[in-house]
Amino acid sequence: LGGSTPFGTNPPNAVTLFEPTSYYYFAPSGSNPPSLSGRTYGSLEYNAGPGIKTATGADLTTIAGDLIITTGDVRLNLNGGVNLQGNVLVNGTSSLTFNPTNASNVQFSGGAAQVIGGTAASSALVVGSNSSVIINNPAGVTLQRPLILPKALALTSGKLTTSGPALLTLAENATVTSGSNLSFINGPLARR
């Protein structure tokens, strides 16, 4: 299966269902991204090539495995939010932006420890002003690259581990909610 509509039709009438352990490699010949809104993928790798690839939609997208950006400028502007259950890796000269037009969540909810990392430049991962980040993984999430959050961070379950080189920075008006002795920022935190 391939192309920008690997499911064959619009949700909830999809003719293809990806298992959580499946791997979808997206290398387009044009500018259309795969259909993400309302879909569940296993691992999803974007080898998008040059140019900007923007995915939009109103329904929740779940990526049950890893989200890997190998090449290209990928923008997941999904108003329904994104549920990430594996690692997020931005590699090479690529970039990844979460910037929906309406308030939306980027939730880390894996069953095992998750990593936010990759080999791309420190500015290659962007969370836009309409996106809130939710940590909801009892096994925790480790930040392996710097990240700036302009809106909100909700610590529902599990630690968010940071370090000096992988600093979490909150914008001036960004909020942190929830948190407990089981869900907190484990490492340095900065405010702009």
C-alpha atoms as a PDB file:
ATOM      1  CA  LEU A   1       0.000   0.000   0.000  1.00  0.00           C
ATOM      2  CA  GLY A   2       1.180   3.512  -0.549  1.00  0.00           C
ATOM      3  CA  GLY A   3       0.400   6.988  -1.678  1.00  0.00           C
ATOM      4  CA  SER A   4      -1.351   9.722   0.231  1.00  0.00           C
ATOM      5  CA  THR A   5      -4.425   7.575   1.017  1.00  0.00           C
ATOM      6  CA  PRO A   6      -3.152   4.204   2.242  1.00  0.00           C
ATOM      7  CA  PHE A   7      -6.497   3.515   3.938  1.00  0.00           C
ATOM      8  CA  GLY A   8      -8.443   3.758   0.697  1.00  0.00           C
ATOM      9  CA  THR A   9     -11.335   5.855   2.019  1.00  0.00           C
ATOM     10  CA  ASN A  10     -12.290   8.341   4.726  1.00  0.00           C
ATOM     11  CA  PRO A  11     -12.666   7.330   8.375  1.00  0.00           C
ATOM     12  CA  PRO A  12     -14.479   5.506   9.848  1.00  0.00           C
ATOM     13  CA  ASN A  13     -14.911   3.405   6.683  1.00  0.00           C
ATOM     14  CA  ALA A  14     -11.226   2.628   6.143  1.00  0.00           C
ATOM     15  CA  VAL A  15     -10.457  -0.481   4.141  1.00  0.00           C
ATOM     16  CA  THR A  16      -6.943  -0.808   5.545  1.00  0.00           C
ATOM     17  CA  LEU A  17      -6.119  -0.976   9.233  1.00  0.00           C
ATOM     18  CA  PHE A  18      -2.521  -0.758  10.430  1.00  0.00           C
ATOM     19  CA  GLU A  19      -1.521  -2.896  13.402  1.00  0.00           C
ATOM     20  CA  PRO A  20       0.403  -1.155  16.197  1.00  0.00           C
ATOM     21  CA  THR A  21       3.594  -2.964  15.141  1.00  0.00           C
ATOM     22  CA  SER A  22       3.229  -2.096  11.433  1.00  0.00           C
ATOM     23  CA  TYR A  23       5.638   0.260   9.663  1.00  0.00           C
ATOM     24  CA  TYR A  24       4.490   2.788   7.056  1.00  0.00           C
ATOM     25  CA  TYR A  25       7.281   4.419   5.049  1.00  0.00           C
ATOM     26  CA  PHE A  26       6.110   7.555   3.271  1.00  0.00           C
ATOM     27  CA  ALA A  27       8.278   8.772   0.368  1.00  0.00           C
ATOM     28  CA  PRO A  28       6.049  10.883  -1.889  1.00  0.00           C
ATOM     29  CA  SER A  29       6.657  11.696  -5.504  1.00  0.00           C
ATOM     30  CA  GLY A  30       4.432  14.784  -5.127  1.00  0.00           C
ATOM     31  CA  SER A  31       3.574  17.197  -2.371  1.00  0.00           C
ATOM     32  CA  ASN A  32       0.639  15.372  -0.746  1.00  0.00           C
ATOM     33  CA  PRO A  33       1.184  13.942   2.742  1.00  0.00           C
ATOM     34  CA  PRO A  34      -0.504  10.710   3.803  1.00  0.00           C
ATOM     35  CA  SER A  35      -4.025  10.973   5.165  1.00  0.00           C
ATOM     36  CA  LEU A  36      -3.525  11.250   8.937  1.00  0.00           C
ATOM     37  CA  SER A  37      -6.706  12.722  10.401  1.00  0.00           C
ATOM     38  CA  GLY A  38      -8.755  10.094  12.226  1.00  0.00           C
ATOM     39  CA  ARG A  39      -6.211   7.374  11.454  1.00  0.00           C
ATOM     40  CA  THR A  40      -4.094   5.005  13.509  1.00  0.00           C
ATOM     41  CA  TYR A  41      -0.660   4.067  12.234  1.00  0.00           C
ATOM     42  CA  GLY A  42       1.971   1.766  13.687  1.00  0.00           C
ATOM     43  CA  SER A  43       5.356   3.371  13.106  1.00  0.00           C
ATOM     44  CA  LEU A  44       5.308   6.176  10.545  1.00  0.00           C
ATOM     45  CA  GLU A  45       8.444   7.339   8.737  1.00  0.00           C
ATOM     46  CA  TYR A  46       8.403  10.447   6.584  1.00  0.00           C
ATOM     47  CA  ASN A  47      11.068  10.547   3.897  1.00  0.00           C
ATOM     48  CA  ALA A  48       9.402  13.620   2.454  1.00  0.00           C
ATOM     49  CA  GLY A  49      12.252  15.033   0.388  1.00  0.00           C
ATOM     50  CA  PRO A  50      12.550  18.757  -0.303  1.00  0.00           C
ATOM     51  CA  GLY A  51       9.728  21.166   0.400  1.00  0.00           C
ATOM     52  CA  ILE A  52       6.981  21.427   2.970  1.00  0.00           C
ATOM     53  CA  LYS A  53       4.558  18.556   3.608  1.00  0.00           C
ATOM     54  CA  THR A  54       1.526  19.638   5.645  1.00  0.00           C
ATOM     55  CA  ALA A  55      -1.093  17.301   7.089  1.00  0.00           C
ATOM     56  CA  THR A  56      -4.359  18.801   8.351  1.00  0.00           C
ATOM     57  CA  GLY A  57      -7.592  17.415   9.724  1.00  0.00           C
ATOM     58  CA  ALA A  58     -10.172  17.593  12.476  1.00  0.00           C
ATOM     59  CA  ASP A  59      -9.904  14.084  13.965  1.00  0.00           C
ATOM     60  CA  LEU A  60      -7.407  12.558  16.396  1.00  0.00           C
ATOM     61  CA  THR A  61      -4.380  10.866  14.831  1.00  0.00           C
ATOM     62  CA  THR A  62      -2.705   8.020  16.710  1.00  0.00           C
ATOM     63  CA  ILE A  63       0.787   6.793  15.952  1.00  0.00           C
ATOM     64  CA  ALA A  64       1.169   3.590  17.955  1.00  0.00           C
ATOM     65  CA  GLY A  65       4.858   3.158  17.096  1.00  0.00           C
ATOM     66  CA  ASP A  66       7.630   5.621  16.334  1.00  0.00           C
ATOM     67  CA  LEU A  67       7.239   8.844  14.360  1.00  0.00           C
ATOM     68  CA  ILE A  68      10.437   9.300  12.352  1.00  0.00           C
ATOM     69  CA  ILE A  69      11.156  12.286  10.135  1.00  0.00           C
ATOM     70  CA  THR A  70      14.042  11.364   7.834  1.00  0.00           C
ATOM     71  CA  THR A  71      13.918  14.202   5.280  1.00  0.00           C
ATOM     72  CA  GLY A  72      11.752  17.221   4.594  1.00  0.00           C
ATOM     73  CA  ASP A  73       9.843  19.907   6.454  1.00  0.00           C
ATOM     74  CA  VAL A  74       6.843  18.053   7.956  1.00  0.00           C
ATOM     75  CA  ARG A  75       3.994  20.011   9.509  1.00  0.00           C
ATOM     76  CA  LEU A  76       1.338  18.131  11.426  1.00  0.00           C
ATOM     77  CA  ASN A  77      -1.343  20.801  11.740  1.00  0.00           C
ATOM     78  CA  LEU A  78      -3.974  18.422  13.057  1.00  0.00           C
ATOM     79  CA  ASN A  79      -6.819  20.144  14.914  1.00  0.00           C
ATOM     80  CA  GLY A  80      -7.935  16.799  16.363  1.00  0.00           C
ATOM     81  CA  GLY A  81      -4.577  16.317  18.054  1.00  0.00           C
ATOM     82  CA  VAL A  82      -1.884  13.678  17.909  1.00  0.00           C
ATOM     83  CA  ASN A  83      -1.511  10.702  20.232  1.00  0.00           C
ATOM     84  CA  LEU A  84       2.115   9.504  20.138  1.00  0.00           C
ATOM     85  CA  GLN A  85       2.801   6.104  21.678  1.00  0.00           C
ATOM     86  CA  GLY A  86       6.400   5.598  20.504  1.00  0.00           C
ATOM     87  CA  ASN A  87       9.504   7.709  20.033  1.00  0.00           C
ATOM     88  CA  VAL A  88       9.624  10.948  18.057  1.00  0.00           C
ATOM     89  CA  LEU A  89      12.846  11.206  16.039  1.00  0.00           C
ATOM     90  CA  VAL A  90      13.715  14.129  13.758  1.00  0.00           C
ATOM     91  CA  ASN A  91      16.848  13.305  11.759  1.00  0.00           C
ATOM     92  CA  GLY A  92      19.288  14.867   9.296  1.00  0.00           C
ATOM     93  CA  THR A  93      18.241  18.230   7.872  1.00  0.00           C
ATOM     94  CA  SER A  94      14.522  17.573   8.412  1.00  0.00           C
ATOM     95  CA  SER A  95      12.084  19.391  10.691  1.00  0.00           C
ATOM     96  CA  LEU A  96       8.784  18.620  12.421  1.00  0.00           C
ATOM     97  CA  THR A  97       6.178  21.179  13.455  1.00  0.00           C
ATOM     98  CA  PHE A  98       2.949  20.669  15.403  1.00  0.00           C
ATOM     99  CA  ASN A  99       0.914  23.811  14.657  1.00  0.00           C
ATOM    100  CA  PRO A 100      -2.860  23.341  14.280  1.00  0.00           C
ATOM    101  CA  THR A 101      -5.142  26.303  13.610  1.00  0.00           C
ATOM    102  CA  ASN A 102      -7.233  25.488  16.719  1.00  0.00           C
ATOM    103  CA  ALA A 103      -6.287  24.425  20.254  1.00  0.00           C
ATOM    104  CA  SER A 104      -5.048  20.844  20.121  1.00  0.00           C
ATOM    105  CA  ASN A 105      -2.989  18.323  22.096  1.00  0.00           C
ATOM    106  CA  VAL A 106       0.227  16.465  21.384  1.00  0.00           C
ATOM    107  CA  GLN A 107       0.009  13.565  23.827  1.00  0.00           C
ATOM    108  CA  PHE A 108       2.811  11.163  24.725  1.00  0.00           C
ATOM    109  CA  SER A 109       1.024   8.042  25.963  1.00  0.00           C
ATOM    110  CA  GLY A 110       3.214   5.035  25.271  1.00  0.00           C
ATOM    111  CA  GLY A 111       3.249   1.832  27.282  1.00  0.00           C
ATOM    112  CA  ALA A 112       7.065   1.869  27.434  1.00  0.00           C
ATOM    113  CA  ALA A 113       9.526   4.717  27.967  1.00  0.00           C
ATOM    114  CA  GLN A 114       9.498   7.236  25.107  1.00  0.00           C
ATOM    115  CA  VAL A 115      12.225   9.439  23.614  1.00  0.00           C
ATOM    116  CA  ILE A 116      11.965  12.791  21.873  1.00  0.00           C
ATOM    117  CA  GLY A 117      15.205  13.026  19.926  1.00  0.00           C
ATOM    118  CA  GLY A 118      16.950  12.528  16.610  1.00  0.00           C
ATOM    119  CA  THR A 119      19.995  13.920  14.835  1.00  0.00           C
ATOM    120  CA  ALA A 120      18.491  17.082  13.279  1.00  0.00           C
ATOM    121  CA  ALA A 121      19.393  20.581  14.447  1.00  0.00           C
ATOM    122  CA  SER A 122      18.215  21.652  17.887  1.00  0.00           C
ATOM    123  CA  SER A 123      15.565  23.915  16.325  1.00  0.00           C
ATOM    124  CA  ALA A 124      14.118  21.128  14.139  1.00  0.00           C
ATOM    125  CA  LEU A 125      11.207  20.261  16.460  1.00  0.00           C
ATOM    126  CA  VAL A 126       8.609  23.005  16.914  1.00  0.00           C
ATOM    127  CA  VAL A 127       5.439  22.992  18.986  1.00  0.00           C
ATOM    128  CA  GLY A 128       3.170  25.818  17.801  1.00  0.00           C
ATOM    129  CA  SER A 129       1.177  28.276  19.896  1.00  0.00           C
ATOM    130  CA  ASN A 130      -2.066  26.268  19.646  1.00  0.00           C
ATOM    131  CA  SER A 131      -0.555  22.971  20.805  1.00  0.00           C
ATOM    132  CA  SER A 132      -0.499  21.724  24.386  1.00  0.00           C
ATOM    133  CA  VAL A 133       1.817  18.846  25.286  1.00  0.00           C
ATOM    134  CA  ILE A 134       0.527  16.098  27.574  1.00  0.00           C
ATOM    135  CA  ILE A 135       2.801  13.581  29.284  1.00  0.00           C
ATOM    136  CA  ASN A 136       0.624  10.544  30.028  1.00  0.00           C
ATOM    137  CA  ASN A 137       3.106   7.673  30.144  1.00  0.00           C
ATOM    138  CA  PRO A 138       3.831   6.003  33.506  1.00  0.00           C
ATOM    139  CA  ALA A 139       7.179   4.777  32.071  1.00  0.00           C
ATOM    140  CA  GLY A 140       8.189   8.376  31.304  1.00  0.00           C
ATOM    141  CA  VAL A 141       9.417  10.476  28.408  1.00  0.00           C
ATOM    142  CA  THR A 142      13.043  11.553  27.900  1.00  0.00           C
ATOM    143  CA  LEU A 143      13.831  14.739  26.032  1.00  0.00           C
ATOM    144  CA  GLN A 144      17.044  14.289  24.018  1.00  0.00           C
ATOM    145  CA  ARG A 145      16.835  17.636  22.210  1.00  0.00           C
ATOM    146  CA  PRO A 146      15.863  21.179  23.262  1.00  0.00           C
ATOM    147  CA  LEU A 147      12.151  21.928  23.163  1.00  0.00           C
ATOM    148  CA  ILE A 148      10.212  25.167  23.597  1.00  0.00           C
ATOM    149  CA  LEU A 149       6.567  25.005  24.673  1.00  0.00           C
ATOM    150  CA  PRO A 150       4.615  28.203  23.931  1.00  0.00           C
ATOM    151  CA  LYS A 151       1.240  27.164  25.381  1.00  0.00           C
ATOM    152  CA  ALA A 152       0.940  24.417  27.987  1.00  0.00           C
ATOM    153  CA  LEU A 153       2.372  21.263  29.498  1.00  0.00           C
ATOM    154  CA  ALA A 154       0.141  18.813  31.374  1.00  0.00           C
ATOM    155  CA  LEU A 155       1.913  16.258  33.551  1.00  0.00           C
ATOM    156  CA  THR A 156      -0.717  13.549  33.852  1.00  0.00           C
ATOM    157  CA  SER A 157       1.392  10.428  34.411  1.00  0.00           C
ATOM    158  CA  GLY A 158       5.133   9.752  34.312  1.00  0.00           C
ATOM    159  CA  LYS A 159       8.266  11.883  34.419  1.00  0.00           C
ATOM    160  CA  LEU A 160       9.541  14.161  31.683  1.00  0.00           C
ATOM    161  CA  THR A 161      13.330  13.873  31.908  1.00  0.00           C
ATOM    162  CA  THR A 162      15.413  16.799  30.639  1.00  0.00           C
ATOM    163  CA  SER A 163      19.098  17.775  30.704  1.00  0.00           C
ATOM    164  CA  GLY A 164      21.252  20.831  29.990  1.00  0.00           C
ATOM    165  CA  PRO A 165      21.672  19.998  26.282  1.00  0.00           C
ATOM    166  CA  ALA A 166      18.040  18.856  26.077  1.00  0.00           C
ATOM    167  CA  LEU A 167      16.482  21.789  27.898  1.00  0.00           C
ATOM    168  CA  LEU A 168      12.732  22.235  28.197  1.00  0.00           C
ATOM    169  CA  THR A 169      11.833  25.922  27.880  1.00  0.00           C
ATOM    170  CA  LEU A 170       8.409  27.363  28.650  1.00  0.00           C
ATOM    171  CA  ALA A 171       7.313  30.563  26.936  1.00  0.00           C
ATOM    172  CA  GLU A 172       6.462  33.487  29.204  1.00  0.00           C
ATOM    173  CA  ASN A 173       2.722  32.703  29.370  1.00  0.00           C
ATOM    174  CA  ALA A 174       2.935  28.908  29.101  1.00  0.00           C
ATOM    175  CA  THR A 175       1.307  26.911  31.883  1.00  0.00           C
ATOM    176  CA  VAL A 176       2.157  23.661  33.629  1.00  0.00           C
ATOM    177  CA  THR A 177      -0.774  21.713  35.038  1.00  0.00           C
ATOM    178  CA  SER A 178      -1.326  18.534  37.014  1.00  0.00           C
ATOM    179  CA  GLY A 179       1.915  17.062  38.234  1.00  0.00           C
ATOM    180  CA  SER A 180       2.473  14.926  41.318  1.00  0.00           C
ATOM    181  CA  ASN A 181       5.162  12.891  43.029  1.00  0.00           C
ATOM    182  CA  LEU A 182       4.684  10.398  40.140  1.00  0.00           C
ATOM    183  CA  SER A 183       4.518  12.929  37.300  1.00  0.00           C
ATOM    184  CA  PHE A 184       7.019  15.779  37.185  1.00  0.00           C
ATOM    185  CA  ILE A 185       9.894  17.379  35.261  1.00  0.00           C
ATOM    186  CA  ASN A 186      13.055  15.482  36.145  1.00  0.00           C
ATOM    187  CA  GLY A 187      15.851  17.894  35.203  1.00  0.00           C
ATOM    188  CA  PRO A 188      16.373  21.527  34.243  1.00  0.00           C
ATOM    189  CA  LEU A 189      13.547  23.772  33.094  1.00  0.00           C
ATOM    190  CA  ALA A 190      13.781  27.334  31.766  1.00  0.00           C
ATOM    191  CA  ARG A 191      11.250  30.124  31.301  1.00  0.00           C
ATOM    192  CA  ARG A 192      11.542  32.709  28.516  1.00  0.00           C
END
